[in-house]
Amino acid sequence: MSTGRMSKARSVTIVAVAYLIAIGAGAAWLVAGPATGRAWLDAFIADVLATGVIFVFSRVYKNSSFYDAYWSVIPPLLLLYWWLVATNPDTLRSVLVAIVIVLWAIRLTGNWLYAFPGLHHEDWRYPKFKASAGRWEFFADLFAIHLIPTFQVFLGMIPVYVAVTQPGPGLRWLAWTAFVVGVAAVAIEFVADLQMHRFVAAARPGEVMDRGLWGWSRHPNYFGEFSFWLSLALFGVAAAPAHWWWLGIGAVAMLAMFLGASIPMMEERSLERRPNYAQVFERIPRFVPRPPRASRRGASNRSR
């Protein structure tokens, strides 16, 4: 189905309907499907079924950006389901992790809604993925764009399952630490988004963003996003300290995706489209925020 230049309002309505159907499909499985006896596995199956619905809409409308908001819409629902089925959960820890996830979901979904122009637009990375797959384009769309991100997010949410289903107070100090890290992560992402939106609105062609948080890190949004998933891992460890060795796997997987795929693709595109980005590349740290280095040109001028 061709979307043409569909209005934003109509596009958002269609995407919302797709998500309601997807959530309904997942909920139907949880209510009427055969139970596995493991709440995390039941939720995973429901998650995959919901992803399948979004994939169908992506194919029908020839636009894989149907999936974009799925990243932030599903985690609060996973949390809610696990909390409802938990036996004697620790209330304080559950409330703290819920606050972090809801704040994160509101920010990320809101940012998507603000920047989403309509279904005539598709994230530039998706056609690139599909074109590089050639005759395997269908499977690249299904797995690389839909199922693998769903699996990554679910893996990052496993510590939340532990945090809301494990009875007992666990390590209170670590739960509060996780809360502080999570709220700080959301704040970093919010400020980074706000600064970028204001920059884009006033930027001249070819101008690069190198101020505010973007003057301390070339990708403060990705740093904030990783910090959020790290906070979820800390919540899991706070509930079950003996399992610390595997509860961070989801956060590590997110870090690997950001450093190994997302950031390199973004930087390659920026270097191609904005020649001045090479100076940003030289001065500003890639990921972890810190004061920028002086450019070689500026250092040379000061030495004269």
C-alpha atoms as a PDB file:
ATOM      1  CA  MET A   1       0.000   0.000   0.000  1.00  0.00           C
ATOM      2  CA  SER A   2       1.433   3.365  -1.027  1.00  0.00           C
ATOM      3  CA  THR A   3       1.350   6.016   1.694  1.00  0.00           C
ATOM      4  CA  GLY A   4       2.017   8.995  -0.590  1.00  0.00           C
ATOM      5  CA  ARG A   5       2.472  12.149   1.444  1.00  0.00           C
ATOM      6  CA  MET A   6       0.108  11.198   4.226  1.00  0.00           C
ATOM      7  CA  SER A   7      -0.668  13.774   6.907  1.00  0.00           C
ATOM      8  CA  LYS A   8       0.920  13.397  10.300  1.00  0.00           C
ATOM      9  CA  ALA A   9      -2.445  13.131  12.068  1.00  0.00           C
ATOM     10  CA  ARG A  10      -3.650  10.313   9.800  1.00  0.00           C
ATOM     11  CA  SER A  11      -0.293   8.561  10.030  1.00  0.00           C
ATOM     12  CA  VAL A  12      -0.263   8.671  13.828  1.00  0.00           C
ATOM     13  CA  THR A  13      -3.811   7.308  13.875  1.00  0.00           C
ATOM     14  CA  ILE A  14      -2.841   4.355  11.663  1.00  0.00           C
ATOM     15  CA  VAL A  15       0.245   3.637  13.774  1.00  0.00           C
ATOM     16  CA  ALA A  16      -1.852   3.837  16.957  1.00  0.00           C
ATOM     17  CA  VAL A  17      -4.365   1.345  15.521  1.00  0.00           C
ATOM     18  CA  ALA A  18      -1.500  -0.988  14.603  1.00  0.00           C
ATOM     19  CA  TYR A  19      -0.179  -0.820  18.164  1.00  0.00           C
ATOM     20  CA  LEU A  20      -3.591  -1.427  19.693  1.00  0.00           C
ATOM     21  CA  ILE A  21      -4.035  -4.519  17.524  1.00  0.00           C
ATOM     22  CA  ALA A  22      -0.509  -5.695  18.386  1.00  0.00           C
ATOM     23  CA  ILE A  23      -1.037  -5.202  22.122  1.00  0.00           C
ATOM     24  CA  GLY A  24      -4.408  -6.931  21.831  1.00  0.00           C
ATOM     25  CA  ALA A  25      -2.790  -9.926  20.131  1.00  0.00           C
ATOM     26  CA  GLY A  26      -0.190 -10.179  22.884  1.00  0.00           C
ATOM     27  CA  ALA A  27      -2.801  -9.774  25.618  1.00  0.00           C
ATOM     28  CA  ALA A  28      -4.990 -12.442  24.001  1.00  0.00           C
ATOM     29  CA  TRP A  29      -2.109 -14.887  24.191  1.00  0.00           C
ATOM     30  CA  LEU A  30      -1.513 -14.104  27.854  1.00  0.00           C
ATOM     31  CA  VAL A  31      -5.206 -14.543  28.696  1.00  0.00           C
ATOM     32  CA  ALA A  32      -6.240 -17.437  26.460  1.00  0.00           C
ATOM     33  CA  GLY A  33      -3.032 -19.045  25.228  1.00  0.00           C
ATOM     34  CA  PRO A  34      -1.445 -22.125  26.820  1.00  0.00           C
ATOM     35  CA  ALA A  35       0.565 -21.042  29.863  1.00  0.00           C
ATOM     36  CA  THR A  36       4.196 -22.086  30.023  1.00  0.00           C
ATOM     37  CA  GLY A  37       4.360 -21.757  33.806  1.00  0.00           C
ATOM     38  CA  ARG A  38       7.003 -19.042  33.445  1.00  0.00           C
ATOM     39  CA  ALA A  39       5.795 -15.450  33.361  1.00  0.00           C
ATOM     40  CA  TRP A  40       8.891 -14.240  31.531  1.00  0.00           C
ATOM     41  CA  LEU A  41       8.404 -16.807  28.748  1.00  0.00           C
ATOM     42  CA  ASP A  42       4.680 -16.065  28.439  1.00  0.00           C
ATOM     43  CA  ALA A  43       5.534 -12.378  28.074  1.00  0.00           C
ATOM     44  CA  PHE A  44       8.229 -13.121  25.502  1.00  0.00           C
ATOM     45  CA  ILE A  45       5.829 -15.101  23.319  1.00  0.00           C
ATOM     46  CA  ALA A  46       3.259 -12.299  23.575  1.00  0.00           C
ATOM     47  CA  ASP A  47       5.979  -9.792  22.671  1.00  0.00           C
ATOM     48  CA  VAL A  48       6.949 -11.757  19.560  1.00  0.00           C
ATOM     49  CA  LEU A  49       3.306 -12.081  18.480  1.00  0.00           C
ATOM     50  CA  ALA A  50       2.810  -8.328  18.892  1.00  0.00           C
ATOM     51  CA  THR A  51       5.982  -7.700  16.892  1.00  0.00           C
ATOM     52  CA  GLY A  52       4.545  -9.929  14.158  1.00  0.00           C
ATOM     53  CA  VAL A  53       1.482  -7.676  13.935  1.00  0.00           C
ATOM     54  CA  ILE A  54       3.682  -4.594  13.583  1.00  0.00           C
ATOM     55  CA  PHE A  55       5.704  -6.394  10.905  1.00  0.00           C
ATOM     56  CA  VAL A  56       2.522  -7.073   8.912  1.00  0.00           C
ATOM     57  CA  PHE A  57       1.630  -3.370   9.025  1.00  0.00           C
ATOM     58  CA  SER A  58       5.190  -2.498   7.976  1.00  0.00           C
ATOM     59  CA  ARG A  59       4.873  -4.742   4.924  1.00  0.00           C
ATOM     60  CA  VAL A  60       1.362  -3.608   3.997  1.00  0.00           C
ATOM     61  CA  TYR A  61       2.315   0.076   4.151  1.00  0.00           C
ATOM     62  CA  LYS A  62       5.855  -0.528   2.830  1.00  0.00           C
ATOM     63  CA  ASN A  63       7.327   1.364   5.747  1.00  0.00           C
ATOM     64  CA  SER A  64       9.333  -0.307   8.523  1.00  0.00           C
ATOM     65  CA  SER A  65       9.142   2.835  10.661  1.00  0.00           C
ATOM     66  CA  PHE A  66       5.926   1.324  12.028  1.00  0.00           C
ATOM     67  CA  TYR A  67       8.311  -0.392  14.440  1.00  0.00           C
ATOM     68  CA  ASP A  68      10.041   2.778  15.710  1.00  0.00           C
ATOM     69  CA  ALA A  69       7.837   3.510  18.744  1.00  0.00           C
ATOM     70  CA  TYR A  70       7.562  -0.177  19.674  1.00  0.00           C
ATOM     71  CA  TRP A  71      10.920   0.207  21.438  1.00  0.00           C
ATOM     72  CA  SER A  72       9.378   2.477  24.067  1.00  0.00           C
ATOM     73  CA  VAL A  73       5.730   1.359  24.163  1.00  0.00           C
ATOM     74  CA  ILE A  74       6.210  -2.287  25.168  1.00  0.00           C
ATOM     75  CA  PRO A  75       8.550  -2.123  28.234  1.00  0.00           C
ATOM     76  CA  PRO A  76       5.955  -0.493  30.538  1.00  0.00           C
ATOM     77  CA  LEU A  77       3.457  -3.196  29.537  1.00  0.00           C
ATOM     78  CA  LEU A  78       5.959  -5.961  30.289  1.00  0.00           C
ATOM     79  CA  LEU A  79       6.603  -4.377  33.682  1.00  0.00           C
ATOM     80  CA  LEU A  80       2.864  -4.140  34.396  1.00  0.00           C
ATOM     81  CA  TYR A  81       2.211  -7.778  33.491  1.00  0.00           C
ATOM     82  CA  TRP A  82       5.089  -9.103  35.592  1.00  0.00           C
ATOM     83  CA  TRP A  83       4.088  -6.942  38.542  1.00  0.00           C
ATOM     84  CA  LEU A  84       0.474  -8.155  38.365  1.00  0.00           C
ATOM     85  CA  VAL A  85       1.435 -11.849  38.336  1.00  0.00           C
ATOM     86  CA  ALA A  86       4.166 -11.522  40.967  1.00  0.00           C
ATOM     87  CA  THR A  87       3.704 -13.127  44.358  1.00  0.00           C
ATOM     88  CA  ASN A  88       4.599 -10.832  47.242  1.00  0.00           C
ATOM     89  CA  PRO A  89       6.778  -8.369  45.255  1.00  0.00           C
ATOM     90  CA  ASP A  90       8.867  -5.777  47.040  1.00  0.00           C
ATOM     91  CA  THR A  91       6.724  -2.647  46.716  1.00  0.00           C
ATOM     92  CA  LEU A  92       9.439  -0.021  47.054  1.00  0.00           C
ATOM     93  CA  ARG A  93      11.743  -1.583  44.458  1.00  0.00           C
ATOM     94  CA  SER A  94       8.830  -2.153  42.070  1.00  0.00           C
ATOM     95  CA  VAL A  95       7.672   1.454  42.409  1.00  0.00           C
ATOM     96  CA  LEU A  96      11.175   2.809  41.836  1.00  0.00           C
ATOM     97  CA  VAL A  97      11.760   0.777  38.672  1.00  0.00           C
ATOM     98  CA  ALA A  98       8.253   1.628  37.445  1.00  0.00           C
ATOM     99  CA  ILE A  99       8.934   5.359  37.807  1.00  0.00           C
ATOM    100  CA  VAL A 100      12.147   5.070  35.802  1.00  0.00           C
ATOM    101  CA  ILE A 101      10.548   3.023  33.004  1.00  0.00           C
ATOM    102  CA  VAL A 102       7.455   5.224  32.721  1.00  0.00           C
ATOM    103  CA  LEU A 103       9.547   8.408  32.604  1.00  0.00           C
ATOM    104  CA  TRP A 104      11.780   6.849  29.956  1.00  0.00           C
ATOM    105  CA  ALA A 105       8.812   5.634  27.894  1.00  0.00           C
ATOM    106  CA  ILE A 106       7.069   9.019  28.004  1.00  0.00           C
ATOM    107  CA  ARG A 107      10.227  10.827  26.937  1.00  0.00           C
ATOM    108  CA  LEU A 108      11.148   8.446  24.126  1.00  0.00           C
ATOM    109  CA  THR A 109       7.624   8.067  22.761  1.00  0.00           C
ATOM    110  CA  GLY A 110       7.093  11.805  23.003  1.00  0.00           C
ATOM    111  CA  ASN A 111      10.317  12.443  21.100  1.00  0.00           C
ATOM    112  CA  TRP A 112       9.210  10.001  18.395  1.00  0.00           C
ATOM    113  CA  LEU A 113       5.810  11.701  18.150  1.00  0.00           C
ATOM    114  CA  TYR A 114       7.389  15.154  17.913  1.00  0.00           C
ATOM    115  CA  ALA A 115       9.872  14.176  15.185  1.00  0.00           C
ATOM    116  CA  PHE A 116       7.625  11.785  13.219  1.00  0.00           C
ATOM    117  CA  PRO A 117       6.614  13.562   9.981  1.00  0.00           C
ATOM    118  CA  GLY A 118       4.205  10.879   8.767  1.00  0.00           C
ATOM    119  CA  LEU A 119       4.136   7.541   7.002  1.00  0.00           C
ATOM    120  CA  HIS A 120       5.559   9.063   3.842  1.00  0.00           C
ATOM    121  CA  HIS A 121       8.847   9.061   5.763  1.00  0.00           C
ATOM    122  CA  GLU A 122      10.911   5.975   6.671  1.00  0.00           C
ATOM    123  CA  ASP A 123      14.014   5.880   8.851  1.00  0.00           C
ATOM    124  CA  TRP A 124      16.956   6.166   6.429  1.00  0.00           C
ATOM    125  CA  ARG A 125      18.641   3.068   7.876  1.00  0.00           C
ATOM    126  CA  TYR A 126      15.826   0.689   6.971  1.00  0.00           C
ATOM    127  CA  PRO A 127      15.990   0.993   3.169  1.00  0.00           C
ATOM    128  CA  LYS A 128      19.757   0.643   3.464  1.00  0.00           C
ATOM    129  CA  PHE A 129      19.391  -2.612   5.411  1.00  0.00           C
ATOM    130  CA  LYS A 130      16.836  -3.992   2.997  1.00  0.00           C
ATOM    131  CA  ALA A 131      18.702  -2.957  -0.145  1.00  0.00           C
ATOM    132  CA  SER A 132      21.905  -4.577   1.083  1.00  0.00           C
ATOM    133  CA  ALA A 133      20.019  -7.838   1.672  1.00  0.00           C
ATOM    134  CA  GLY A 134      18.975  -8.157  -1.976  1.00  0.00           C
ATOM    135  CA  ARG A 135      16.602 -11.068  -2.494  1.00  0.00           C
ATOM    136  CA  TRP A 136      16.649 -11.709   1.267  1.00  0.00           C
ATOM    137  CA  GLU A 137      15.048  -8.308   1.892  1.00  0.00           C
ATOM    138  CA  PHE A 138      11.961  -9.852   3.513  1.00  0.00           C
ATOM    139  CA  PHE A 139      14.055 -11.649   6.122  1.00  0.00           C
ATOM    140  CA  ALA A 140      16.251  -8.582   6.736  1.00  0.00           C
ATOM    141  CA  ASP A 141      13.082  -6.615   7.437  1.00  0.00           C
ATOM    142  CA  LEU A 142      11.628  -9.326   9.684  1.00  0.00           C
ATOM    143  CA  PHE A 143      14.743 -10.107  11.692  1.00  0.00           C
ATOM    144  CA  ALA A 144      17.135  -7.115  11.574  1.00  0.00           C
ATOM    145  CA  ILE A 145      14.482  -4.401  11.852  1.00  0.00           C
ATOM    146  CA  HIS A 146      11.738  -6.106  13.887  1.00  0.00           C
ATOM    147  CA  LEU A 147      12.571  -9.320  15.759  1.00  0.00           C
ATOM    148  CA  ILE A 148      16.187  -8.690  16.780  1.00  0.00           C
ATOM    149  CA  PRO A 149      15.407  -5.291  18.375  1.00  0.00           C
ATOM    150  CA  THR A 150      12.436  -6.906  20.142  1.00  0.00           C
ATOM    151  CA  PHE A 151      14.756  -9.591  21.503  1.00  0.00           C
ATOM    152  CA  GLN A 152      17.307  -6.973  22.609  1.00  0.00           C
ATOM    153  CA  VAL A 153      14.716  -4.910  24.455  1.00  0.00           C
ATOM    154  CA  PHE A 154      13.272  -8.017  26.082  1.00  0.00           C
ATOM    155  CA  LEU A 155      16.751  -9.086  27.174  1.00  0.00           C
ATOM    156  CA  GLY A 156      17.263  -5.638  28.677  1.00  0.00           C
ATOM    157  CA  MET A 157      13.963  -6.018  30.536  1.00  0.00           C
ATOM    158  CA  ILE A 158      14.808  -9.373  32.164  1.00  0.00           C
ATOM    159  CA  PRO A 159      16.358  -7.623  35.218  1.00  0.00           C
ATOM    160  CA  VAL A 160      13.009  -5.847  35.624  1.00  0.00           C
ATOM    161  CA  TYR A 161      11.281  -9.228  35.742  1.00  0.00           C
ATOM    162  CA  VAL A 162      13.673 -10.187  38.535  1.00  0.00           C
ATOM    163  CA  ALA A 163      13.207  -6.846  40.298  1.00  0.00           C
ATOM    164  CA  VAL A 164       9.393  -7.062  40.449  1.00  0.00           C
ATOM    165  CA  THR A 165       8.986 -10.787  41.068  1.00  0.00           C
ATOM    166  CA  GLN A 166      11.762 -11.412  43.590  1.00  0.00           C
ATOM    167  CA  PRO A 167      10.396 -11.127  47.163  1.00  0.00           C
ATOM    168  CA  GLY A 168      12.337  -9.425  49.898  1.00  0.00           C
ATOM    169  CA  PRO A 169      14.006  -6.010  50.095  1.00  0.00           C
ATOM    170  CA  GLY A 170      17.328  -7.101  48.594  1.00  0.00           C
ATOM    171  CA  LEU A 171      19.970  -4.376  48.504  1.00  0.00           C
ATOM    172  CA  ARG A 172      18.069  -1.205  49.240  1.00  0.00           C
ATOM    173  CA  TRP A 173      21.050   1.069  48.627  1.00  0.00           C
ATOM    174  CA  LEU A 174      21.580  -0.435  45.180  1.00  0.00           C
ATOM    175  CA  ALA A 175      17.898  -0.037  44.289  1.00  0.00           C
ATOM    176  CA  TRP A 176      18.140   3.664  45.142  1.00  0.00           C
ATOM    177  CA  THR A 177      21.385   3.914  43.159  1.00  0.00           C
ATOM    178  CA  ALA A 178      19.641   2.318  40.179  1.00  0.00           C
ATOM    179  CA  PHE A 179      16.811   4.828  40.552  1.00  0.00           C
ATOM    180  CA  VAL A 180      19.194   7.798  40.541  1.00  0.00           C
ATOM    181  CA  VAL A 181      21.071   6.425  37.515  1.00  0.00           C
ATOM    182  CA  GLY A 182      17.800   5.819  35.673  1.00  0.00           C
ATOM    183  CA  VAL A 183      16.344   9.271  36.329  1.00  0.00           C
ATOM    184  CA  ALA A 184      19.663  10.891  35.400  1.00  0.00           C
ATOM    185  CA  ALA A 185      19.719   8.860  32.172  1.00  0.00           C
ATOM    186  CA  VAL A 186      16.238  10.045  31.194  1.00  0.00           C
ATOM    187  CA  ALA A 187      17.219  13.643  32.021  1.00  0.00           C
ATOM    188  CA  ILE A 188      20.321  13.388  29.814  1.00  0.00           C
ATOM    189  CA  GLU A 189      18.257  12.059  26.920  1.00  0.00           C
ATOM    190  CA  PHE A 190      15.573  14.716  27.378  1.00  0.00           C
ATOM    191  CA  VAL A 191      18.084  17.579  27.423  1.00  0.00           C
ATOM    192  CA  ALA A 192      20.025  16.124  24.468  1.00  0.00           C
ATOM    193  CA  ASP A 193      16.815  15.818  22.428  1.00  0.00           C
ATOM    194  CA  LEU A 194      15.702  19.335  23.321  1.00  0.00           C
ATOM    195  CA  GLN A 195      19.058  20.820  22.396  1.00  0.00           C
ATOM    196  CA  MET A 196      19.134  18.943  19.088  1.00  0.00           C
ATOM    197  CA  HIS A 197      15.585  19.969  18.137  1.00  0.00           C
ATOM    198  CA  ARG A 198      16.406  23.623  18.799  1.00  0.00           C
ATOM    199  CA  PHE A 199      19.619  23.328  16.808  1.00  0.00           C
ATOM    200  CA  VAL A 200      17.930  21.696  13.813  1.00  0.00           C
ATOM    201  CA  ALA A 201      15.232  24.373  13.774  1.00  0.00           C
ATOM    202  CA  ALA A 202      17.812  27.159  13.428  1.00  0.00           C
ATOM    203  CA  ALA A 203      20.788  25.431  11.757  1.00  0.00           C
ATOM    204  CA  ARG A 204      22.276  26.529   8.453  1.00  0.00           C
ATOM    205  CA  PRO A 205      22.997  23.907   5.753  1.00  0.00           C
ATOM    206  CA  GLY A 206      26.053  21.842   6.660  1.00  0.00           C
ATOM    207  CA  GLU A 207      26.253  23.199  10.213  1.00  0.00           C
ATOM    208  CA  VAL A 208      27.098  20.642  12.897  1.00  0.00           C
ATOM    209  CA  MET A 209      25.907  20.362  16.479  1.00  0.00           C
ATOM    210  CA  ASP A 210      28.765  20.895  18.948  1.00  0.00           C
ATOM    211  CA  ARG A 211      27.200  22.731  21.872  1.00  0.00           C
ATOM    212  CA  GLY A 212      25.494  21.848  25.142  1.00  0.00           C
ATOM    213  CA  LEU A 213      25.658  18.126  25.911  1.00  0.00           C
ATOM    214  CA  TRP A 214      26.672  17.601  22.275  1.00  0.00           C
ATOM    215  CA  GLY A 215      29.859  19.512  23.027  1.00  0.00           C
ATOM    216  CA  TRP A 216      30.825  16.895  25.607  1.00  0.00           C
ATOM    217  CA  SER A 217      29.784  13.791  23.690  1.00  0.00           C
ATOM    218  CA  ARG A 218      29.082  13.204  19.996  1.00  0.00           C
ATOM    219  CA  HIS A 219      26.192  10.953  21.039  1.00  0.00           C
ATOM    220  CA  PRO A 220      24.833  11.981  24.458  1.00  0.00           C
ATOM    221  CA  ASN A 221      21.451  10.470  23.541  1.00  0.00           C
ATOM    222  CA  TYR A 222      23.003   7.019  23.133  1.00  0.00           C
ATOM    223  CA  PHE A 223      24.981   7.479  26.350  1.00  0.00           C
ATOM    224  CA  GLY A 224      21.750   8.314  28.165  1.00  0.00           C
ATOM    225  CA  GLU A 225      19.979   5.341  26.572  1.00  0.00           C
ATOM    226  CA  PHE A 226      22.711   2.930  27.660  1.00  0.00           C
ATOM    227  CA  SER A 227      22.633   4.431  31.167  1.00  0.00           C
ATOM    228  CA  PHE A 228      18.894   3.697  31.321  1.00  0.00           C
ATOM    229  CA  TRP A 229      19.420   0.001  30.502  1.00  0.00           C
ATOM    230  CA  LEU A 230      22.306  -0.092  32.987  1.00  0.00           C
ATOM    231  CA  SER A 231      19.935   1.200  35.674  1.00  0.00           C
ATOM    232  CA  LEU A 232      17.525  -1.670  34.927  1.00  0.00           C
ATOM    233  CA  ALA A 233      20.387  -4.136  35.331  1.00  0.00           C
ATOM    234  CA  LEU A 234      21.204  -2.567  38.693  1.00  0.00           C
ATOM    235  CA  PHE A 235      17.585  -2.972  39.802  1.00  0.00           C
ATOM    236  CA  GLY A 236      17.860  -6.676  38.989  1.00  0.00           C
ATOM    237  CA  VAL A 237      21.097  -7.043  40.932  1.00  0.00           C
ATOM    238  CA  ALA A 238      19.532  -5.161  43.855  1.00  0.00           C
ATOM    239  CA  ALA A 239      16.792  -7.818  43.961  1.00  0.00           C
ATOM    240  CA  ALA A 240      19.035 -10.852  43.399  1.00  0.00           C
ATOM    241  CA  PRO A 241      22.691 -10.010  44.142  1.00  0.00           C
ATOM    242  CA  ALA A 242      23.848 -13.601  43.597  1.00  0.00           C
ATOM    243  CA  HIS A 243      22.846 -13.346  39.942  1.00  0.00           C
ATOM    244  CA  TRP A 244      24.876 -10.216  39.198  1.00  0.00           C
ATOM    245  CA  TRP A 245      27.017 -12.065  36.649  1.00  0.00           C
ATOM    246  CA  TRP A 246      24.240 -12.425  34.066  1.00  0.00           C
ATOM    247  CA  LEU A 247      21.767  -9.641  34.860  1.00  0.00           C
ATOM    248  CA  GLY A 248      23.862  -7.108  32.940  1.00  0.00           C
ATOM    249  CA  ILE A 249      23.797  -9.061  29.662  1.00  0.00           C
ATOM    250  CA  GLY A 250      20.963  -6.944  28.259  1.00  0.00           C
ATOM    251  CA  ALA A 251      22.767  -3.677  29.008  1.00  0.00           C
ATOM    252  CA  VAL A 252      25.973  -5.047  27.469  1.00  0.00           C
ATOM    253  CA  ALA A 253      24.044  -6.075  24.346  1.00  0.00           C
ATOM    254  CA  MET A 254      22.652  -2.546  24.081  1.00  0.00           C
ATOM    255  CA  LEU A 255      26.134  -1.075  24.450  1.00  0.00           C
ATOM    256  CA  ALA A 256      27.468  -3.401  21.743  1.00  0.00           C
ATOM    257  CA  MET A 257      24.657  -2.352  19.382  1.00  0.00           C
ATOM    258  CA  PHE A 258      25.250   1.353  19.995  1.00  0.00           C
ATOM    259  CA  LEU A 259      29.037   1.206  19.664  1.00  0.00           C
ATOM    260  CA  GLY A 260      29.181  -1.435  16.947  1.00  0.00           C
ATOM    261  CA  ALA A 261      26.263  -0.490  14.698  1.00  0.00           C
ATOM    262  CA  SER A 262      24.152   2.566  15.521  1.00  0.00           C
ATOM    263  CA  ILE A 263      26.910   5.085  16.198  1.00  0.00           C
ATOM    264  CA  PRO A 264      29.165   4.050  13.275  1.00  0.00           C
ATOM    265  CA  MET A 265      26.218   4.340  10.863  1.00  0.00           C
ATOM    266  CA  MET A 266      25.273   7.768  12.217  1.00  0.00           C
ATOM    267  CA  GLU A 267      28.845   9.041  12.034  1.00  0.00           C
ATOM    268  CA  GLU A 268      29.420   7.731   8.514  1.00  0.00           C
ATOM    269  CA  ARG A 269      26.296   9.568   7.374  1.00  0.00           C
ATOM    270  CA  SER A 270      27.285  12.777   9.182  1.00  0.00           C
ATOM    271  CA  LEU A 271      30.753  12.752   7.625  1.00  0.00           C
ATOM    272  CA  GLU A 272      29.212  12.302   4.173  1.00  0.00           C
ATOM    273  CA  ARG A 273      26.623  15.062   4.573  1.00  0.00           C
ATOM    274  CA  ARG A 274      28.504  17.580   6.723  1.00  0.00           C
ATOM    275  CA  PRO A 275      32.216  18.111   5.961  1.00  0.00           C
ATOM    276  CA  ASN A 276      32.636  20.140   9.173  1.00  0.00           C
ATOM    277  CA  TYR A 277      31.715  17.068  11.210  1.00  0.00           C
ATOM    278  CA  ALA A 278      35.349  15.955  10.869  1.00  0.00           C
ATOM    279  CA  GLN A 279      36.317  18.726  13.302  1.00  0.00           C
ATOM    280  CA  VAL A 280      33.661  17.535  15.776  1.00  0.00           C
ATOM    281  CA  PHE A 281      35.000  14.007  15.318  1.00  0.00           C
ATOM    282  CA  GLU A 282      38.452  15.261  16.280  1.00  0.00           C
ATOM    283  CA  ARG A 283      37.511  17.347  19.324  1.00  0.00           C
ATOM    284  CA  ILE A 284      34.496  15.786  21.011  1.00  0.00           C
ATOM    285  CA  PRO A 285      34.476  12.366  22.733  1.00  0.00           C
ATOM    286  CA  ARG A 286      32.525   9.653  20.965  1.00  0.00           C
ATOM    287  CA  PHE A 287      30.344   8.343  23.782  1.00  0.00           C
ATOM    288  CA  VAL A 288      31.101   9.048  27.461  1.00  0.00           C
ATOM    289  CA  PRO A 289      30.699  12.804  28.095  1.00  0.00           C
ATOM    290  CA  ARG A 290      33.792  14.775  29.071  1.00  0.00           C
ATOM    291  CA  PRO A 291      35.233  18.202  28.241  1.00  0.00           C
ATOM    292  CA  PRO A 292      36.143  18.448  24.547  1.00  0.00           C
ATOM    293  CA  ARG A 293      39.732  18.486  23.341  1.00  0.00           C
ATOM    294  CA  ALA A 294      41.120  21.595  21.699  1.00  0.00           C
ATOM    295  CA  SER A 295      41.166  21.228  17.916  1.00  0.00           C
ATOM    296  CA  ARG A 296      44.535  20.861  16.226  1.00  0.00           C
ATOM    297  CA  ARG A 297      43.866  24.068  14.324  1.00  0.00           C
ATOM    298  CA  GLY A 298      43.170  25.954  17.559  1.00  0.00           C
ATOM    299  CA  ALA A 299      46.216  24.456  19.268  1.00  0.00           C
ATOM    300  CA  SER A 300      48.361  25.448  16.290  1.00  0.00           C
ATOM    301  CA  ASN A 301      47.072  29.035  16.425  1.00  0.00           C
ATOM    302  CA  ARG A 302      47.801  29.287  20.163  1.00  0.00           C
ATOM    303  CA  SER A 303      51.371  28.053  19.672  1.00  0.00           C
ATOM    304  CA  ARG A 304      52.218  30.887  17.252  1.00  0.00           C
END
